[in-house]
Amino acid sequence: GVGRRGAGLALLGAAAASGGWGGAGAGGARGGALGGRLGAPLGGTAAGGGGRLAGAGAALAAELAGPSIVTLPLLGGGASGAGGGSPVFVAGATGGTGSKVVQRLVDAGYGVRAGFRSRRKAQWRGLGELEGVSLAPCDLTAEPAQLAEQLRGSRAAVCAAGTGLTSLLDPQTPRRVDYGGVVNLVDACKLAGVRRFVLVSSILTNARAVGQENDANFQIINTFGGVFDWKLEAERYLRASGLDYTIVRPGDLVGRDLEGPILVADEDTLFDGYVSRDQVARVVVAALGDRNASRRVVEVISTRSDMALAASGQLRASIF
């Protein structure tokens, strides 16, 4: 049989690189093939969970060219408009993930206000050369009123800032940036009248509450200033803020681009796996354009790592 999570799982299909969270329409083909592959390791004979995955694989026959987004939890379609109009403000735009978010937003037709601390790094990334992108000074440790001046007129804010590897050497950085920076940006959005907020966080932020506090990755990484604990506090602040939020929790980030679909699962479901920064950026942009992503927390890994987890039994343990 299936456990409490397995009964609620459904493969809603896939979306094209610029498209939404799921559905069995034109974007569903590659998701169908993936559903068939996932159905067996997740238990194809079960009434729900893996059985539904296998069924979806049989139902969706054609093969879609290009990468796609696969959703396991019950996330629907529901595009709320993409591109044009007011710009999207991206905090941490010069970072590895933030710069990918900027590029994906441009590709989707959005105007972008790219927040930077170092103008030289912004120029090195070539952000100012992208069509529809303007540069804006953004120090997340500044007072919210100061940040609000850069946010005014934006349709949404994306926070892709966080503690980097070198910054982890300072144990105060997670509290100051991963928590304090998010708090300042949330408060600045309120002052500036920006209601939509997408936060890039991390899997394992809520490890203590879901029996994963002994996870090796959690224990090792969290020794650096309690970075997971501070990320969780930032998530809680955002969720209680009244803003229309989406929190995206990626797995281990890799710089190189990865082929294939993305696994987007419900919160506290995935505790291992890797994902490329570009794949995370695609999910961020999809969330901005989909009203069904409103007030949701989703976890994201590459289906490459997913298949390895499924084969080893780890995915079964974390989903069901």
Protein backbone atom coordinates (compact mmCIF):
# COMPACT_ATOMS: atom_id res chain seq x y z
CA GLY A 1 0.00 0.00 0.00
CA VAL A 2 0.92 3.64 0.06
CA GLY A 3 1.43 6.01 2.97
CA ARG A 4 -0.11 9.35 3.75
CA ARG A 5 1.78 11.28 1.06
CA GLY A 6 1.57 8.60 -1.59
CA ALA A 7 -2.21 8.67 -1.73
CA GLY A 8 -2.21 12.33 -2.70
CA LEU A 9 0.42 12.24 -5.41
CA ALA A 10 -0.48 12.75 -9.03
CA LEU A 11 1.57 13.44 -12.10
CA LEU A 12 -0.07 16.47 -13.64
CA GLY A 13 2.24 16.39 -16.64
CA ALA A 14 4.95 18.75 -17.78
CA ALA A 15 5.22 22.27 -19.09
CA ALA A 16 7.49 23.76 -21.69
CA ALA A 17 10.50 25.69 -20.45
CA SER A 18 8.50 28.92 -20.20
CA GLY A 19 5.23 27.37 -19.08
CA GLY A 20 3.38 26.67 -15.86
CA TRP A 21 3.14 24.06 -13.17
CA GLY A 22 1.50 21.17 -14.97
CA GLY A 23 -1.53 19.87 -16.79
CA ALA A 24 -1.99 17.21 -19.42
CA GLY A 25 -1.90 19.62 -22.34
CA ALA A 26 0.81 20.26 -24.89
CA GLY A 27 3.45 20.36 -22.19
CA GLY A 28 2.64 16.97 -20.74
CA ALA A 29 4.41 14.58 -23.06
CA ARG A 30 7.83 14.25 -21.53
CA GLY A 31 6.24 14.24 -18.10
CA GLY A 32 4.23 11.23 -19.21
CA ALA A 33 7.35 9.32 -20.17
CA LEU A 34 8.89 10.22 -16.85
CA GLY A 35 5.74 9.08 -15.07
CA GLY A 36 6.12 5.63 -16.56
CA ARG A 37 9.74 5.40 -15.45
CA LEU A 38 8.95 6.64 -11.95
CA GLY A 39 5.90 4.42 -11.59
CA ALA A 40 7.86 1.20 -11.22
CA PRO A 41 10.37 2.21 -8.53
CA LEU A 42 7.65 4.03 -6.58
CA GLY A 43 5.29 1.06 -6.55
CA GLY A 44 3.22 0.67 -9.70
CA THR A 45 0.69 -1.69 -8.09
CA ALA A 46 -0.44 0.83 -5.46
CA ALA A 47 -3.82 2.45 -5.84
CA GLY A 48 -2.29 5.93 -5.50
CA GLY A 49 1.17 7.44 -5.57
CA GLY A 50 3.33 5.32 -7.87
CA GLY A 51 0.27 3.76 -9.49
CA ARG A 52 -0.92 7.17 -10.60
CA LEU A 53 2.54 7.98 -11.88
CA ALA A 54 2.59 4.83 -13.97
CA GLY A 55 -0.90 5.59 -15.26
CA ALA A 56 0.10 9.07 -16.27
CA GLY A 57 3.04 7.62 -18.17
CA ALA A 58 0.73 5.39 -20.19
CA ALA A 59 -1.77 8.17 -20.83
CA LEU A 60 0.64 10.74 -22.22
CA ALA A 61 2.25 9.27 -25.26
CA ALA A 62 4.05 11.89 -27.35
CA GLU A 63 7.56 13.18 -26.65
CA LEU A 64 7.97 16.92 -26.14
CA ALA A 65 11.14 18.53 -27.45
CA GLY A 66 13.13 20.51 -24.92
CA PRO A 67 13.17 20.50 -21.11
CA SER A 68 10.01 20.52 -19.04
CA ILE A 69 8.72 20.94 -15.52
CA VAL A 70 7.08 18.01 -13.76
CA THR A 71 4.86 18.43 -10.73
CA LEU A 72 4.14 15.71 -8.19
CA PRO A 73 1.93 17.52 -5.67
CA LEU A 74 -1.46 18.81 -6.71
CA LEU A 75 -0.43 21.99 -8.46
CA GLY A 76 -2.63 23.03 -11.34
CA GLY A 77 -2.13 25.30 -14.32
CA GLY A 78 -3.64 28.74 -14.11
CA ALA A 79 -1.36 31.27 -15.78
CA SER A 80 -1.84 34.75 -14.35
CA GLY A 81 0.01 36.63 -17.06
CA ALA A 82 3.70 36.81 -17.95
CA GLY A 83 5.91 39.44 -19.45
CA GLY A 84 5.28 43.10 -20.19
CA GLY A 85 4.25 45.79 -17.74
CA SER A 86 6.15 46.65 -14.57
CA PRO A 87 9.54 45.04 -13.95
CA VAL A 88 10.41 42.26 -11.55
CA PHE A 89 12.97 43.22 -8.90
CA VAL A 90 15.66 40.56 -8.35
CA ALA A 91 17.73 40.78 -5.17
CA GLY A 92 21.00 38.91 -5.46
CA ALA A 93 20.98 39.33 -9.23
CA THR A 94 24.77 39.07 -9.53
CA GLY A 95 24.92 35.65 -7.86
CA GLY A 96 24.98 32.30 -9.58
CA THR A 97 21.25 31.68 -9.21
CA GLY A 98 20.14 35.30 -9.36
CA SER A 99 21.84 35.92 -12.69
CA LYS A 100 20.06 32.86 -14.12
CA VAL A 101 16.75 34.22 -12.83
CA VAL A 102 17.41 37.53 -14.59
CA GLN A 103 18.16 35.77 -17.87
CA ARG A 104 15.07 33.55 -17.65
CA LEU A 105 12.87 36.54 -16.86
CA VAL A 106 14.22 38.34 -19.91
CA ASP A 107 13.61 35.25 -22.03
CA ALA A 108 10.00 35.18 -20.79
CA GLY A 109 9.47 38.83 -21.75
CA TYR A 110 9.63 40.43 -18.32
CA GLY A 111 11.33 43.71 -17.59
CA VAL A 112 13.88 43.29 -14.80
CA ARG A 113 15.36 45.54 -12.16
CA ALA A 114 18.56 43.72 -11.18
CA GLY A 115 19.61 44.44 -7.61
CA PHE A 116 23.36 44.46 -6.97
CA ARG A 117 25.86 45.19 -4.22
CA SER A 118 28.86 45.32 -6.54
CA ARG A 119 28.40 47.23 -9.80
CA ARG A 120 31.62 45.68 -11.08
CA LYS A 121 30.17 42.20 -10.58
CA ALA A 122 26.95 43.23 -12.29
CA GLN A 123 28.97 44.44 -15.26
CA TRP A 124 31.03 41.23 -15.23
CA ARG A 125 27.79 39.23 -15.41
CA GLY A 126 26.71 41.41 -18.34
CA LEU A 127 23.36 42.16 -16.70
CA GLY A 128 23.20 45.74 -17.92
CA GLU A 129 23.62 44.58 -21.51
CA LEU A 130 20.44 42.48 -21.45
CA GLU A 131 17.39 43.99 -23.10
CA GLY A 132 14.83 45.22 -20.60
CA VAL A 133 17.21 45.07 -17.61
CA SER A 134 18.08 48.04 -15.45
CA LEU A 135 20.56 47.96 -12.58
CA ALA A 136 19.63 49.00 -9.05
CA PRO A 137 21.83 49.23 -5.93
CA CYS A 138 20.61 46.68 -3.38
CA ASP A 139 22.18 46.15 0.02
CA LEU A 140 19.91 43.79 1.94
CA THR A 141 21.43 44.89 5.23
CA ALA A 142 20.18 48.44 4.61
CA GLU A 143 17.05 49.87 6.20
CA PRO A 144 13.78 48.80 4.53
CA ALA A 145 12.90 52.40 3.68
CA GLN A 146 16.10 52.67 1.66
CA LEU A 147 15.43 49.39 -0.15
CA ALA A 148 11.85 50.44 -0.84
CA GLU A 149 13.05 53.27 -3.06
CA GLN A 150 14.58 50.72 -5.43
CA LEU A 151 11.48 48.52 -5.32
CA ARG A 152 8.84 51.11 -6.14
CA GLY A 153 7.03 50.41 -9.38
CA SER A 154 7.97 46.72 -9.45
CA ARG A 155 5.32 44.08 -10.01
CA ALA A 156 7.10 41.46 -7.87
CA ALA A 157 10.29 40.78 -5.96
CA VAL A 158 12.52 37.73 -6.19
CA CYS A 159 15.08 37.10 -3.46
CA ALA A 160 17.91 34.92 -4.75
CA ALA A 161 20.47 36.21 -2.26
CA GLY A 162 22.05 33.94 0.32
CA THR A 163 25.20 32.94 2.10
CA GLY A 164 27.91 31.84 -0.33
CA LEU A 165 30.68 29.37 0.40
CA THR A 166 33.23 32.04 1.25
CA SER A 167 30.72 33.94 3.38
CA LEU A 168 30.08 30.83 5.48
CA LEU A 169 33.44 31.46 7.14
CA ASP A 170 31.75 34.33 8.99
CA PRO A 171 29.22 32.71 11.38
CA GLN A 172 27.18 35.92 11.51
CA THR A 173 26.46 35.99 7.76
CA PRO A 174 23.45 33.61 7.78
CA ARG A 175 21.71 35.65 10.46
CA ARG A 176 22.54 38.92 8.70
CA VAL A 177 21.77 37.87 5.09
CA ASP A 178 19.67 34.70 4.94
CA TYR A 179 17.37 35.97 7.68
CA GLY A 180 17.91 39.68 8.17
CA GLY A 181 18.20 40.39 4.45
CA VAL A 182 14.91 38.64 3.71
CA VAL A 183 13.18 40.44 6.58
CA ASN A 184 14.41 43.79 5.26
CA LEU A 185 13.29 42.99 1.72
CA VAL A 186 9.85 41.82 2.88
CA ASP A 187 9.38 45.01 4.89
CA ALA A 188 10.62 47.07 1.95
CA CYS A 189 8.06 45.41 -0.33
CA LYS A 190 5.30 46.42 2.05
CA LEU A 191 6.50 50.02 2.06
CA ALA A 192 6.80 50.06 -1.74
CA GLY A 193 3.42 48.40 -2.38
CA VAL A 194 4.94 45.26 -3.93
CA ARG A 195 2.69 42.33 -3.02
CA ARG A 196 4.26 39.36 -4.89
CA PHE A 197 7.42 37.77 -3.46
CA VAL A 198 9.35 34.66 -4.52
CA LEU A 199 12.06 33.43 -2.16
CA VAL A 200 14.79 30.98 -3.12
CA SER A 201 15.53 28.99 0.03
CA SER A 202 16.78 25.38 0.39
CA ILE A 203 15.64 21.86 1.09
CA LEU A 204 16.31 20.71 4.68
CA THR A 205 15.42 24.11 6.16
CA ASN A 206 12.67 22.41 8.17
CA ALA A 207 14.70 19.27 8.89
CA ARG A 208 14.26 19.40 12.66
CA ALA A 209 10.46 19.35 12.44
CA VAL A 210 10.24 16.40 10.06
CA GLY A 211 12.70 13.96 11.65
CA GLN A 212 15.70 14.84 9.47
CA GLU A 213 17.85 16.59 12.08
CA ASN A 214 20.39 13.75 11.89
CA ASP A 215 20.74 14.09 8.12
CA ALA A 216 24.46 14.44 7.38
CA ASN A 217 23.98 17.35 4.97
CA PHE A 218 21.87 19.23 7.49
CA GLN A 219 24.31 18.71 10.32
CA ILE A 220 27.41 19.64 8.34
CA ILE A 221 26.06 22.71 6.56
CA ASN A 222 24.16 23.99 9.56
CA THR A 223 27.35 24.16 11.61
CA PHE A 224 28.20 27.27 9.57
CA GLY A 225 26.26 29.87 11.52
CA GLY A 226 23.04 27.84 11.64
CA VAL A 227 22.33 28.70 8.01
CA PHE A 228 19.37 26.29 7.67
CA ASP A 229 17.83 27.54 10.91
CA TRP A 230 18.07 31.16 9.77
CA LYS A 231 16.61 30.30 6.35
CA LEU A 232 13.66 28.69 8.11
CA GLU A 233 13.12 31.79 10.23
CA ALA A 234 13.15 33.88 7.05
CA GLU A 235 10.54 31.59 5.50
CA ARG A 236 8.35 31.95 8.57
CA TYR A 237 8.62 35.72 8.46
CA LEU A 238 7.61 35.79 4.81
CA ARG A 239 4.70 33.41 5.35
CA ALA A 240 3.35 35.59 8.17
CA SER A 241 3.89 38.85 6.26
CA GLY A 242 0.63 38.97 4.34
CA LEU A 243 2.47 39.10 1.03
CA ASP A 244 1.56 36.77 -1.83
CA TYR A 245 4.57 34.46 -1.61
CA THR A 246 6.09 31.40 -3.21
CA ILE A 247 9.05 29.72 -1.52
CA VAL A 248 11.26 27.61 -3.78
CA ARG A 249 13.52 25.14 -1.95
CA PRO A 250 16.15 23.73 -4.31
CA GLY A 251 18.36 20.74 -3.63
CA ASP A 252 22.15 20.94 -3.90
CA LEU A 253 22.94 23.60 -6.50
CA VAL A 254 25.23 22.84 -9.42
CA GLY A 255 26.55 25.46 -11.81
CA ARG A 256 26.40 23.45 -15.01
CA ASP A 257 23.16 23.22 -16.97
CA LEU A 258 21.28 19.93 -16.75
CA GLU A 259 19.06 18.36 -19.38
CA GLY A 260 15.66 16.85 -18.71
CA PRO A 261 12.61 17.59 -16.60
CA ILE A 262 12.52 19.07 -13.11
CA LEU A 263 10.85 17.42 -10.14
CA VAL A 264 8.75 19.93 -8.18
CA ALA A 265 7.38 18.43 -4.97
CA ASP A 266 5.48 19.65 -1.95
CA GLU A 267 7.27 21.05 1.12
CA ASP A 268 9.12 18.71 3.47
CA THR A 269 9.07 15.96 0.85
CA LEU A 270 12.57 15.92 -0.65
CA PHE A 271 15.66 15.71 1.54
CA ASP A 272 18.34 14.93 -1.03
CA GLY A 273 19.15 15.50 -4.69
CA TYR A 274 20.72 18.17 -6.85
CA VAL A 275 19.45 20.73 -9.32
CA SER A 276 21.05 23.26 -11.64
CA ARG A 277 20.79 26.96 -10.98
CA ASP A 278 19.11 27.41 -14.36
CA GLN A 279 16.45 24.85 -13.45
CA VAL A 280 15.75 26.76 -10.24
CA ALA A 281 15.43 29.95 -12.27
CA ARG A 282 12.87 28.28 -14.55
CA VAL A 283 10.75 27.32 -11.55
CA VAL A 284 10.98 30.86 -10.15
CA VAL A 285 9.73 32.35 -13.43
CA ALA A 286 6.99 29.72 -13.71
CA ALA A 287 5.84 30.59 -10.17
CA LEU A 288 5.59 34.29 -11.01
CA GLY A 289 3.25 33.53 -13.91
CA ASP A 290 1.01 30.97 -12.20
CA ARG A 291 -1.62 31.86 -9.63
CA ASN A 292 -1.63 28.27 -8.38
CA ALA A 293 1.87 28.87 -6.99
CA SER A 294 0.48 31.52 -4.66
CA ARG A 295 1.24 30.90 -0.97
CA ARG A 296 3.02 27.65 -1.73
CA VAL A 297 6.30 26.08 -0.66
CA VAL A 298 7.80 23.75 -3.25
CA GLU A 299 10.98 21.69 -3.34
CA VAL A 300 12.96 21.23 -6.52
CA ILE A 301 15.50 18.69 -7.75
CA SER A 302 16.66 17.43 -11.11
CA THR A 303 15.03 14.23 -12.29
CA ARG A 304 18.53 12.90 -12.84
CA SER A 305 19.11 12.87 -9.09
CA ASP A 306 15.51 11.78 -8.57
CA MET A 307 15.99 8.58 -10.55
CA ALA A 308 19.10 7.76 -8.54
CA LEU A 309 17.18 8.32 -5.31
CA ALA A 310 14.25 6.24 -6.47
CA ALA A 311 16.53 3.36 -7.40
CA SER A 312 18.14 3.43 -3.96
CA GLY A 313 14.85 3.62 -2.09
CA GLN A 314 15.54 7.07 -0.64
CA LEU A 315 12.81 8.75 -2.64
CA ARG A 316 10.23 6.24 -1.41
CA ALA A 317 11.21 6.99 2.20
CA SER A 318 11.01 10.73 1.73
CA ILE A 319 7.71 10.87 -0.19
CA PHE A 320 5.57 8.17 1.41
